[in-house]
């Protein structure tokens, strides 16, 4: 009897812990879905002037409209697209009227192509503010001479291109061909694996209950 009581108690406690973990992941799933919906709504909202998107503080993903002109320099950043393979993000300085130079991630092109010069004229761009944090201790140092980088390190890129440490990711450049394909901000890069985690925990709970039932029945049938 004591052995049966121990097995049942141990089994119920284990199942309870696993079920609570699965329930927590369901709650996290609801929170993440709400967060992604709010970010998507913010990304696609009506663009505002850059100064407005920076007040009272930097608003990541805020849609902005900037008018000014590109500088002649650029940075290539090695990246990868799922359906394309290796590509280069092309990042340029853009002198915003009434504000000053900022970084603009103009989009991507195949890595074997030469970088086309930016049009030297007054342009209006629509994009989103972003603060990518891609560089870590494993990221190779950029090849400054070749203008080749391996992560979007906004402060470091701003220093090289002599801009403010602010990045606008291009969404649209009306009636302007920059020689690249825009790679606008979206929520695809924000992980949302909570459903898979919840299914895993609930599956483990079911297995735990079945195994507990098996050992209880086996113990109860064993000769005294």
C-alpha atoms as a PDB file:
ATOM      1  CA  UNK A   1       0.000   0.000   0.000  1.00  0.00           C
ATOM      2  CA  UNK A   2       2.795   2.413   0.842  1.00  0.00           C
ATOM      3  CA  UNK A   3       4.483   1.676  -2.483  1.00  0.00           C
ATOM      4  CA  UNK A   4       1.256   2.334  -4.371  1.00  0.00           C
ATOM      5  CA  UNK A   5       0.725   5.573  -2.474  1.00  0.00           C
ATOM      6  CA  UNK A   6       4.275   6.685  -3.253  1.00  0.00           C
ATOM      7  CA  UNK A   7       3.890   5.900  -6.974  1.00  0.00           C
ATOM      8  CA  UNK A   8       0.561   7.712  -7.228  1.00  0.00           C
ATOM      9  CA  UNK A   9       1.820  10.749  -5.324  1.00  0.00           C
ATOM     10  CA  UNK A  10       5.020  10.913  -7.379  1.00  0.00           C
ATOM     11  CA  UNK A  11       3.063  10.482 -10.614  1.00  0.00           C
ATOM     12  CA  UNK A  12       0.491  13.168  -9.796  1.00  0.00           C
ATOM     13  CA  UNK A  13       3.162  15.629  -8.719  1.00  0.00           C
ATOM     14  CA  UNK A  14       5.181  15.098 -11.895  1.00  0.00           C
ATOM     15  CA  UNK A  15       2.098  15.367 -14.107  1.00  0.00           C
ATOM     16  CA  UNK A  16       1.022  18.519 -12.269  1.00  0.00           C
ATOM     17  CA  UNK A  17       4.399  20.168 -12.858  1.00  0.00           C
ATOM     18  CA  UNK A  18       4.377  19.271 -16.552  1.00  0.00           C
ATOM     19  CA  UNK A  19       0.799  20.477 -17.011  1.00  0.00           C
ATOM     20  CA  UNK A  20       1.618  23.751 -15.253  1.00  0.00           C
ATOM     21  CA  UNK A  21       4.561  24.270 -17.618  1.00  0.00           C
ATOM     22  CA  UNK A  22       2.314  23.622 -20.617  1.00  0.00           C
ATOM     23  CA  UNK A  23      -0.302  26.036 -19.263  1.00  0.00           C
ATOM     24  CA  UNK A  24       2.380  28.688 -18.782  1.00  0.00           C
ATOM     25  CA  UNK A  25       3.440  28.273 -22.409  1.00  0.00           C
ATOM     26  CA  UNK A  26      -0.186  28.710 -23.534  1.00  0.00           C
ATOM     27  CA  UNK A  27      -0.298  31.963 -21.570  1.00  0.00           C
ATOM     28  CA  UNK A  28       2.999  33.023 -23.147  1.00  0.00           C
ATOM     29  CA  UNK A  29       1.572  32.184 -26.576  1.00  0.00           C
ATOM     30  CA  UNK A  30      -1.353  34.528 -26.006  1.00  0.00           C
ATOM     31  CA  UNK A  31       1.010  37.270 -24.815  1.00  0.00           C
ATOM     32  CA  UNK A  32       3.331  36.814 -27.813  1.00  0.00           C
ATOM     33  CA  UNK A  33       0.465  36.850 -30.320  1.00  0.00           C
ATOM     34  CA  UNK A  34      -0.805  40.101 -28.830  1.00  0.00           C
ATOM     35  CA  UNK A  35       2.711  41.571 -28.923  1.00  0.00           C
ATOM     36  CA  UNK A  36       3.209  40.590 -32.583  1.00  0.00           C
ATOM     37  CA  UNK A  37      -0.174  42.039 -33.525  1.00  0.00           C
ATOM     38  CA  UNK A  38       0.744  45.352 -31.883  1.00  0.00           C
ATOM     39  CA  UNK A  39       4.149  45.416 -33.615  1.00  0.00           C
ATOM     40  CA  UNK A  40       2.587  44.646 -37.005  1.00  0.00           C
ATOM     41  CA  UNK A  41       0.042  47.428 -36.492  1.00  0.00           C
ATOM     42  CA  UNK A  42       2.843  49.823 -35.600  1.00  0.00           C
ATOM     43  CA  UNK A  43       4.972  48.802 -38.602  1.00  0.00           C
ATOM     44  CA  UNK A  44       2.165  49.427 -41.074  1.00  0.00           C
ATOM     45  CA  UNK A  45       0.883  52.649 -39.489  1.00  0.00           C
ATOM     46  CA  UNK A  46       0.957  56.023 -41.213  1.00  0.00           C
ATOM     47  CA  UNK A  47       4.559  57.310 -41.514  1.00  0.00           C
ATOM     48  CA  UNK A  48       5.543  60.269 -39.366  1.00  0.00           C
ATOM     49  CA  UNK A  49       8.496  62.694 -39.540  1.00  0.00           C
ATOM     50  CA  UNK A  50      11.732  61.322 -38.103  1.00  0.00           C
ATOM     51  CA  UNK A  51      11.852  63.820 -35.231  1.00  0.00           C
ATOM     52  CA  UNK A  52       8.362  62.767 -34.135  1.00  0.00           C
ATOM     53  CA  UNK A  53       9.376  59.090 -34.072  1.00  0.00           C
ATOM     54  CA  UNK A  54      12.319  59.959 -31.817  1.00  0.00           C
ATOM     55  CA  UNK A  55      10.325  61.920 -29.233  1.00  0.00           C
ATOM     56  CA  UNK A  56      10.237  61.562 -26.336  1.00  0.00           C
ATOM     57  CA  UNK A  57      12.500  58.554 -27.025  1.00  0.00           C
ATOM     58  CA  UNK A  58      13.489  56.186 -29.822  1.00  0.00           C
ATOM     59  CA  UNK A  59      10.451  54.176 -30.976  1.00  0.00           C
ATOM     60  CA  UNK A  60      11.570  50.940 -32.578  1.00  0.00           C
ATOM     61  CA  UNK A  61       9.549  49.908 -35.664  1.00  0.00           C
ATOM     62  CA  UNK A  62       7.981  53.364 -35.925  1.00  0.00           C
ATOM     63  CA  UNK A  63       7.129  54.146 -39.582  1.00  0.00           C
ATOM     64  CA  UNK A  64       8.871  57.292 -40.776  1.00  0.00           C
ATOM     65  CA  UNK A  65       9.045  59.459 -43.885  1.00  0.00           C
ATOM     66  CA  UNK A  66      12.347  61.211 -44.518  1.00  0.00           C
ATOM     67  CA  UNK A  67      13.356  63.656 -47.215  1.00  0.00           C
ATOM     68  CA  UNK A  68      16.953  64.361 -48.125  1.00  0.00           C
ATOM     69  CA  UNK A  69      19.794  62.932 -50.186  1.00  0.00           C
ATOM     70  CA  UNK A  70      22.056  59.883 -50.135  1.00  0.00           C
ATOM     71  CA  UNK A  71      25.766  60.184 -49.572  1.00  0.00           C
ATOM     72  CA  UNK A  72      28.184  58.512 -51.955  1.00  0.00           C
ATOM     73  CA  UNK A  73      29.453  55.870 -49.498  1.00  0.00           C
ATOM     74  CA  UNK A  74      27.931  52.488 -48.721  1.00  0.00           C
ATOM     75  CA  UNK A  75      28.365  49.351 -46.621  1.00  0.00           C
ATOM     76  CA  UNK A  76      27.696  45.794 -47.773  1.00  0.00           C
ATOM     77  CA  UNK A  77      26.507  43.391 -45.099  1.00  0.00           C
ATOM     78  CA  UNK A  78      26.565  39.659 -45.787  1.00  0.00           C
ATOM     79  CA  UNK A  79      23.177  38.120 -45.082  1.00  0.00           C
ATOM     80  CA  UNK A  80      21.071  35.167 -46.141  1.00  0.00           C
ATOM     81  CA  UNK A  81      17.544  34.862 -47.443  1.00  0.00           C
ATOM     82  CA  UNK A  82      15.729  31.557 -47.112  1.00  0.00           C
ATOM     83  CA  UNK A  83      14.674  31.296 -50.753  1.00  0.00           C
ATOM     84  CA  UNK A  84      17.650  33.095 -52.290  1.00  0.00           C
ATOM     85  CA  UNK A  85      20.816  32.209 -50.395  1.00  0.00           C
ATOM     86  CA  UNK A  86      23.706  34.583 -49.788  1.00  0.00           C
ATOM     87  CA  UNK A  87      22.916  38.253 -50.400  1.00  0.00           C
ATOM     88  CA  UNK A  88      24.256  41.648 -49.418  1.00  0.00           C
ATOM     89  CA  UNK A  89      22.287  44.259 -47.506  1.00  0.00           C
ATOM     90  CA  UNK A  90      23.272  47.692 -48.823  1.00  0.00           C
ATOM     91  CA  UNK A  91      23.427  50.354 -46.126  1.00  0.00           C
ATOM     92  CA  UNK A  92      23.980  53.999 -47.014  1.00  0.00           C
ATOM     93  CA  UNK A  93      24.174  57.372 -45.285  1.00  0.00           C
ATOM     94  CA  UNK A  94      21.160  59.597 -45.904  1.00  0.00           C
ATOM     95  CA  UNK A  95      21.188  63.293 -44.994  1.00  0.00           C
ATOM     96  CA  UNK A  96      17.707  64.064 -43.681  1.00  0.00           C
ATOM     97  CA  UNK A  97      16.646  67.664 -44.214  1.00  0.00           C
ATOM     98  CA  UNK A  98      16.448  69.538 -40.934  1.00  0.00           C
ATOM     99  CA  UNK A  99      17.890  66.631 -38.964  1.00  0.00           C
ATOM    100  CA  UNK A 100      21.211  65.380 -40.310  1.00  0.00           C
ATOM    101  CA  UNK A 101      22.682  62.131 -41.668  1.00  0.00           C
ATOM    102  CA  UNK A 102      21.313  58.728 -40.583  1.00  0.00           C
ATOM    103  CA  UNK A 103      21.779  55.161 -41.803  1.00  0.00           C
ATOM    104  CA  UNK A 104      19.349  53.701 -44.332  1.00  0.00           C
ATOM    105  CA  UNK A 105      19.181  49.950 -44.910  1.00  0.00           C
ATOM    106  CA  UNK A 106      18.091  50.181 -48.546  1.00  0.00           C
ATOM    107  CA  UNK A 107      17.542  46.458 -49.157  1.00  0.00           C
ATOM    108  CA  UNK A 108      19.359  43.469 -50.637  1.00  0.00           C
ATOM    109  CA  UNK A 109      21.040  42.339 -53.827  1.00  0.00           C
ATOM    110  CA  UNK A 110      22.846  39.185 -54.912  1.00  0.00           C
ATOM    111  CA  UNK A 111      26.331  39.062 -53.436  1.00  0.00           C
ATOM    112  CA  UNK A 112      28.109  38.754 -56.796  1.00  0.00           C
ATOM    113  CA  UNK A 113      26.660  42.015 -58.147  1.00  0.00           C
ATOM    114  CA  UNK A 114      28.456  45.339 -58.042  1.00  0.00           C
ATOM    115  CA  UNK A 115      26.884  48.016 -55.862  1.00  0.00           C
ATOM    116  CA  UNK A 116      25.195  50.676 -57.935  1.00  0.00           C
ATOM    117  CA  UNK A 117      25.796  54.295 -57.003  1.00  0.00           C
ATOM    118  CA  UNK A 118      22.911  55.983 -55.204  1.00  0.00           C
ATOM    119  CA  UNK A 119      21.046  58.694 -57.133  1.00  0.00           C
ATOM    120  CA  UNK A 120      22.417  62.083 -56.133  1.00  0.00           C
ATOM    121  CA  UNK A 121      19.188  64.017 -55.892  1.00  0.00           C
ATOM    122  CA  UNK A 122      16.521  64.986 -53.393  1.00  0.00           C
ATOM    123  CA  UNK A 123      14.440  61.939 -52.417  1.00  0.00           C
ATOM    124  CA  UNK A 124      11.622  61.020 -50.071  1.00  0.00           C
ATOM    125  CA  UNK A 125      11.879  57.598 -48.438  1.00  0.00           C
ATOM    126  CA  UNK A 126       9.408  55.618 -46.356  1.00  0.00           C
ATOM    127  CA  UNK A 127      10.687  53.088 -43.856  1.00  0.00           C
ATOM    128  CA  UNK A 128      10.763  51.983 -40.234  1.00  0.00           C
ATOM    129  CA  UNK A 129      13.131  52.738 -37.416  1.00  0.00           C
ATOM    130  CA  UNK A 130      15.025  49.689 -36.234  1.00  0.00           C
ATOM    131  CA  UNK A 131      17.728  48.882 -33.714  1.00  0.00           C
ATOM    132  CA  UNK A 132      19.071  45.481 -34.792  1.00  0.00           C
ATOM    133  CA  UNK A 133      21.372  43.844 -32.282  1.00  0.00           C
ATOM    134  CA  UNK A 134      23.079  41.261 -34.466  1.00  0.00           C
ATOM    135  CA  UNK A 135      26.754  41.545 -33.531  1.00  0.00           C
ATOM    136  CA  UNK A 136      28.191  39.357 -30.775  1.00  0.00           C
ATOM    137  CA  UNK A 137      31.589  37.993 -29.772  1.00  0.00           C
ATOM    138  CA  UNK A 138      31.422  35.387 -32.544  1.00  0.00           C
ATOM    139  CA  UNK A 139      30.796  37.927 -35.320  1.00  0.00           C
ATOM    140  CA  UNK A 140      33.867  38.440 -37.553  1.00  0.00           C
ATOM    141  CA  UNK A 141      35.312  41.928 -37.613  1.00  0.00           C
ATOM    142  CA  UNK A 142      34.241  43.964 -40.646  1.00  0.00           C
ATOM    143  CA  UNK A 143      36.545  44.365 -43.608  1.00  0.00           C
ATOM    144  CA  UNK A 144      36.560  48.154 -43.710  1.00  0.00           C
ATOM    145  CA  UNK A 145      38.565  48.402 -46.933  1.00  0.00           C
ATOM    146  CA  UNK A 146      36.211  46.055 -48.768  1.00  0.00           C
ATOM    147  CA  UNK A 147      33.191  47.716 -47.096  1.00  0.00           C
ATOM    148  CA  UNK A 148      32.022  44.245 -46.048  1.00  0.00           C
ATOM    149  CA  UNK A 149      30.319  43.645 -42.705  1.00  0.00           C
ATOM    150  CA  UNK A 150      28.805  40.545 -41.131  1.00  0.00           C
ATOM    151  CA  UNK A 151      26.207  42.060 -38.805  1.00  0.00           C
ATOM    152  CA  UNK A 152      24.262  45.292 -38.491  1.00  0.00           C
ATOM    153  CA  UNK A 153      26.143  47.082 -35.740  1.00  0.00           C
ATOM    154  CA  UNK A 154      24.441  50.469 -35.858  1.00  0.00           C
ATOM    155  CA  UNK A 155      26.872  52.484 -33.676  1.00  0.00           C
ATOM    156  CA  UNK A 156      29.942  51.117 -35.486  1.00  0.00           C
ATOM    157  CA  UNK A 157      28.405  51.589 -38.935  1.00  0.00           C
ATOM    158  CA  UNK A 158      27.364  55.124 -38.031  1.00  0.00           C
ATOM    159  CA  UNK A 159      30.926  55.930 -37.021  1.00  0.00           C
ATOM    160  CA  UNK A 160      32.336  54.633 -40.316  1.00  0.00           C
ATOM    161  CA  UNK A 161      29.742  56.426 -42.470  1.00  0.00           C
ATOM    162  CA  UNK A 162      29.785  59.562 -40.309  1.00  0.00           C
ATOM    163  CA  UNK A 163      26.101  59.525 -39.408  1.00  0.00           C
ATOM    164  CA  UNK A 164      24.017  59.561 -36.282  1.00  0.00           C
ATOM    165  CA  UNK A 165      23.463  56.061 -34.762  1.00  0.00           C
ATOM    166  CA  UNK A 166      19.944  55.824 -36.147  1.00  0.00           C
ATOM    167  CA  UNK A 167      18.850  53.268 -38.732  1.00  0.00           C
ATOM    168  CA  UNK A 168      15.859  53.489 -41.057  1.00  0.00           C
ATOM    169  CA  UNK A 169      14.980  50.263 -42.862  1.00  0.00           C
ATOM    170  CA  UNK A 170      13.570  51.169 -46.261  1.00  0.00           C
ATOM    171  CA  UNK A 171      10.051  50.113 -47.121  1.00  0.00           C
ATOM    172  CA  UNK A 172       9.465  52.191 -50.213  1.00  0.00           C
ATOM    173  CA  UNK A 173      11.274  54.776 -52.347  1.00  0.00           C
ATOM    174  CA  UNK A 174       8.545  56.104 -54.650  1.00  0.00           C
ATOM    175  CA  UNK A 175       9.552  56.382 -58.306  1.00  0.00           C
ATOM    176  CA  UNK A 176      13.204  55.660 -57.465  1.00  0.00           C
ATOM    177  CA  UNK A 177      15.259  52.624 -58.467  1.00  0.00           C
ATOM    178  CA  UNK A 178      18.069  52.064 -55.968  1.00  0.00           C
ATOM    179  CA  UNK A 179      19.225  48.845 -57.648  1.00  0.00           C
ATOM    180  CA  UNK A 180      18.188  46.710 -54.672  1.00  0.00           C
ATOM    181  CA  UNK A 181      15.115  44.890 -53.412  1.00  0.00           C
ATOM    182  CA  UNK A 182      13.724  46.404 -50.202  1.00  0.00           C
ATOM    183  CA  UNK A 183      13.903  44.157 -47.143  1.00  0.00           C
ATOM    184  CA  UNK A 184      11.366  45.895 -44.920  1.00  0.00           C
ATOM    185  CA  UNK A 185      10.920  45.353 -41.214  1.00  0.00           C
ATOM    186  CA  UNK A 186       8.462  42.606 -40.280  1.00  0.00           C
ATOM    187  CA  UNK A 187       7.779  40.212 -37.403  1.00  0.00           C
ATOM    188  CA  UNK A 188       9.152  37.109 -39.152  1.00  0.00           C
ATOM    189  CA  UNK A 189      12.382  37.327 -37.193  1.00  0.00           C
ATOM    190  CA  UNK A 190      10.657  37.423 -33.801  1.00  0.00           C
ATOM    191  CA  UNK A 191      10.477  33.834 -32.488  1.00  0.00           C
ATOM    192  CA  UNK A 192       7.106  32.456 -31.434  1.00  0.00           C
ATOM    193  CA  UNK A 193       7.626  28.812 -30.446  1.00  0.00           C
ATOM    194  CA  UNK A 194       5.305  28.754 -27.449  1.00  0.00           C
ATOM    195  CA  UNK A 195       2.711  26.487 -29.106  1.00  0.00           C
ATOM    196  CA  UNK A 196       5.360  23.843 -29.822  1.00  0.00           C
ATOM    197  CA  UNK A 197       6.632  24.133 -26.236  1.00  0.00           C
ATOM    198  CA  UNK A 198       3.081  23.774 -24.868  1.00  0.00           C
ATOM    199  CA  UNK A 199       2.439  20.659 -26.974  1.00  0.00           C
ATOM    200  CA  UNK A 200       5.740  19.194 -25.767  1.00  0.00           C
ATOM    201  CA  UNK A 201       4.945  19.733 -22.074  1.00  0.00           C
ATOM    202  CA  UNK A 202       1.373  18.409 -22.380  1.00  0.00           C
ATOM    203  CA  UNK A 203       2.646  15.365 -24.302  1.00  0.00           C
ATOM    204  CA  UNK A 204       5.202  14.662 -21.590  1.00  0.00           C
ATOM    205  CA  UNK A 205       2.437  15.012 -18.981  1.00  0.00           C
ATOM    206  CA  UNK A 206       0.322  12.441 -20.830  1.00  0.00           C
ATOM    207  CA  UNK A 207       3.258  10.043 -21.084  1.00  0.00           C
ATOM    208  CA  UNK A 208       4.013  10.581 -17.387  1.00  0.00           C
ATOM    209  CA  UNK A 209       0.403   9.721 -16.436  1.00  0.00           C
ATOM    210  CA  UNK A 210       0.410   6.608 -18.613  1.00  0.00           C
ATOM    211  CA  UNK A 211       3.719   5.418 -17.192  1.00  0.00           C
ATOM    212  CA  UNK A 212       2.483   6.061 -13.658  1.00  0.00           C
ATOM    213  CA  UNK A 213      -0.703   4.084 -14.354  1.00  0.00           C
ATOM    214  CA  UNK A 214       1.386   1.250 -15.789  1.00  0.00           C
ATOM    215  CA  UNK A 215       3.635   1.015 -12.720  1.00  0.00           C
ATOM    216  CA  UNK A 216       0.650   1.291 -10.362  1.00  0.00           C
ATOM    217  CA  UNK A 217      -1.183  -1.561 -12.114  1.00  0.00           C
ATOM    218  CA  UNK A 218       1.959  -3.646 -12.272  1.00  0.00           C
ATOM    219  CA  UNK A 219       2.663  -3.118  -8.581  1.00  0.00           C
ATOM    220  CA  UNK A 220      -0.935  -3.854  -7.644  1.00  0.00           C
ATOM    221  CA  UNK A 221      -0.865  -7.150  -9.610  1.00  0.00           C
ATOM    222  CA  UNK A 222       2.484  -8.344  -8.324  1.00  0.00           C
ATOM    223  CA  UNK A 223       2.368 -11.177  -5.750  1.00  0.00           C
ATOM    224  CA  UNK A 224       2.579 -10.050  -2.174  1.00  0.00           C
END
